[in-house]
Amino acid sequence: MKIEFDPVKSRKNIEDRGLTFELATEFELETAVIRIDNRKQYGELRFNALGYIGKRLYSITYTLRVDTLRVISLRKANKREIRYYAET
């Protein structure tokens, strides 16, 4: 699957979290825990996934567009999310 993102948002994510959206290419989607993000009406279907990049658990928010995964957010998973992943 192709991965795309807004380069401006990726640069902002580097400033805020020290992470580029390019890391999403290494995200292990096959072993991820995925939920629909229905907290708001976004105008598109969004997903929150917890999965590994290397040995670290990350949280990624994305939407699907035909054959493309579009990254909206990428960050290290917090303690609550790590616990949730382990229990799932």
Foldseek 3Di string as FASTA:
>chain_A
DAEEEDQVVQVVCCVVAVGGPVLVVQWPPVLKDKDWPVPDPPVATKIWIWTDRPPFIKIWIWGDDPPYTYTDDIHGDDPVVVVVSVVD
